[in-house]
Amino acid sequence: MASPRRKHGEALNRIPYPSAGWVRLISITLTAGLVWIFFSRPGDVVALLDQHGDGIMAPLLWGVAIGLVHGTGFMPYHAVWRLLFNPFIGWPLLLYGIVMALAH
């Protein structure tokens, strides 16, 4: 028996993905803030790496990727991509990076 075909936009109903303009503005602003810290205050980024180890950069860069994808208005339709680039995951990562880098 063949499995039933899924509709193209089925993930839209299952996984929340905010798309309002002000929500996207939050994503792009947080992303710009963390990228600004990366490029203008490299000493703070190095201190963050010394405190938390090299493994902290992967989640922070993932948060930047999420912020860019969501902030520019791209809306993934497939459920896996919706989960990987969900702003509810990216915002805490971005905020954590900003707060920890500025705390030094």
Protein backbone atom coordinates (compact mmCIF):
# COMPACT_ATOMS: atom_id res chain seq x y z
CA MET A 1 0.00 0.00 0.00
CA ALA A 2 1.34 3.40 -0.93
CA SER A 3 1.61 6.05 1.72
CA PRO A 4 -0.71 9.02 1.32
CA ARG A 5 0.87 12.05 -0.31
CA ARG A 6 1.35 15.07 1.90
CA LYS A 7 0.22 18.44 0.83
CA HIS A 8 2.90 21.01 0.05
CA GLY A 9 2.08 23.39 2.92
CA GLU A 10 1.28 20.78 5.57
CA ALA A 11 4.20 21.86 7.79
CA LEU A 12 2.71 25.33 7.94
CA ASN A 13 -0.07 24.09 10.21
CA ARG A 14 2.06 21.85 12.41
CA ILE A 15 5.07 24.01 13.29
CA PRO A 16 4.61 27.64 14.38
CA TYR A 17 6.78 30.07 12.48
CA PRO A 18 6.07 33.77 13.14
CA SER A 19 6.13 35.91 10.04
CA ALA A 20 4.91 39.36 11.13
CA GLY A 21 7.15 42.25 10.17
CA TRP A 22 7.94 43.31 13.73
CA VAL A 23 8.94 39.74 14.61
CA ARG A 24 11.33 39.60 11.65
CA LEU A 25 12.71 42.97 12.77
CA ILE A 26 13.59 41.40 16.14
CA SER A 27 15.49 38.62 14.38
CA ILE A 28 17.48 40.88 12.08
CA THR A 29 18.24 43.36 14.90
CA LEU A 30 19.54 40.65 17.25
CA THR A 31 21.57 39.16 14.40
CA ALA A 32 23.06 42.52 13.47
CA GLY A 33 23.94 43.11 17.12
CA LEU A 34 25.78 39.83 17.50
CA VAL A 35 27.57 40.20 14.17
CA TRP A 36 28.59 43.74 15.17
CA ILE A 37 30.07 42.32 18.40
CA PHE A 38 31.92 39.62 16.45
CA PHE A 39 33.58 42.16 14.15
CA SER A 40 34.01 45.20 16.36
CA ARG A 41 34.90 43.59 19.67
CA PRO A 42 36.99 40.51 18.91
CA GLY A 43 38.52 40.62 22.40
CA ASP A 44 35.10 39.99 23.93
CA VAL A 45 34.54 37.06 21.58
CA VAL A 46 37.94 35.61 22.53
CA ALA A 47 37.07 36.03 26.22
CA LEU A 48 33.79 34.23 25.58
CA LEU A 49 35.69 31.40 23.90
CA ASP A 50 38.13 31.21 26.80
CA GLN A 51 35.29 31.03 29.31
CA HIS A 52 33.04 28.54 27.48
CA GLY A 53 35.37 26.73 25.11
CA ASP A 54 35.35 26.49 21.34
CA GLY A 55 32.04 24.62 21.28
CA ILE A 56 30.08 27.81 21.98
CA MET A 57 30.74 29.24 18.51
CA ALA A 58 28.67 26.65 16.63
CA PRO A 59 25.41 27.48 18.45
CA LEU A 60 26.10 31.21 18.17
CA LEU A 61 26.71 30.97 14.43
CA TRP A 62 23.60 28.79 14.10
CA GLY A 63 21.69 31.58 15.86
CA VAL A 64 23.10 34.09 13.36
CA ALA A 65 22.00 31.85 10.48
CA ILE A 66 18.51 31.55 11.97
CA GLY A 67 18.32 35.32 12.44
CA LEU A 68 19.34 35.97 8.85
CA VAL A 69 16.95 33.40 7.39
CA HIS A 70 14.01 34.60 9.46
CA GLY A 71 14.89 38.29 9.44
CA THR A 72 15.09 38.53 5.66
CA GLY A 73 11.61 37.06 5.33
CA PHE A 74 12.40 33.58 4.05
CA MET A 75 9.77 31.10 5.19
CA PRO A 76 10.73 27.42 4.95
CA TYR A 77 7.90 25.05 4.05
CA HIS A 78 9.44 21.69 4.92
CA ALA A 79 9.03 20.67 8.55
CA VAL A 80 12.72 19.90 9.11
CA TRP A 81 13.84 23.30 7.84
CA ARG A 82 11.11 25.02 9.84
CA LEU A 83 12.47 23.40 12.99
CA LEU A 84 16.14 24.07 12.21
CA PHE A 85 15.55 27.75 11.37
CA ASN A 86 12.85 28.54 13.89
CA PRO A 87 13.30 31.96 15.52
CA PHE A 88 12.17 30.57 18.88
CA ILE A 89 15.47 28.64 18.84
CA GLY A 90 17.53 31.47 17.38
CA TRP A 91 16.49 34.28 19.70
CA PRO A 92 17.79 32.66 22.91
CA LEU A 93 21.06 31.79 21.16
CA LEU A 94 21.48 35.35 19.89
CA LEU A 95 20.60 36.90 23.24
CA TYR A 96 22.97 34.56 25.04
CA GLY A 97 25.81 35.50 22.72
CA ILE A 98 25.16 39.21 23.06
CA VAL A 99 24.85 39.15 26.84
CA MET A 100 27.86 36.91 27.39
CA ALA A 101 30.11 38.88 25.01
CA LEU A 102 29.15 42.22 26.55
CA ALA A 103 29.50 40.92 30.12
CA HIS A 104 33.29 40.90 29.80
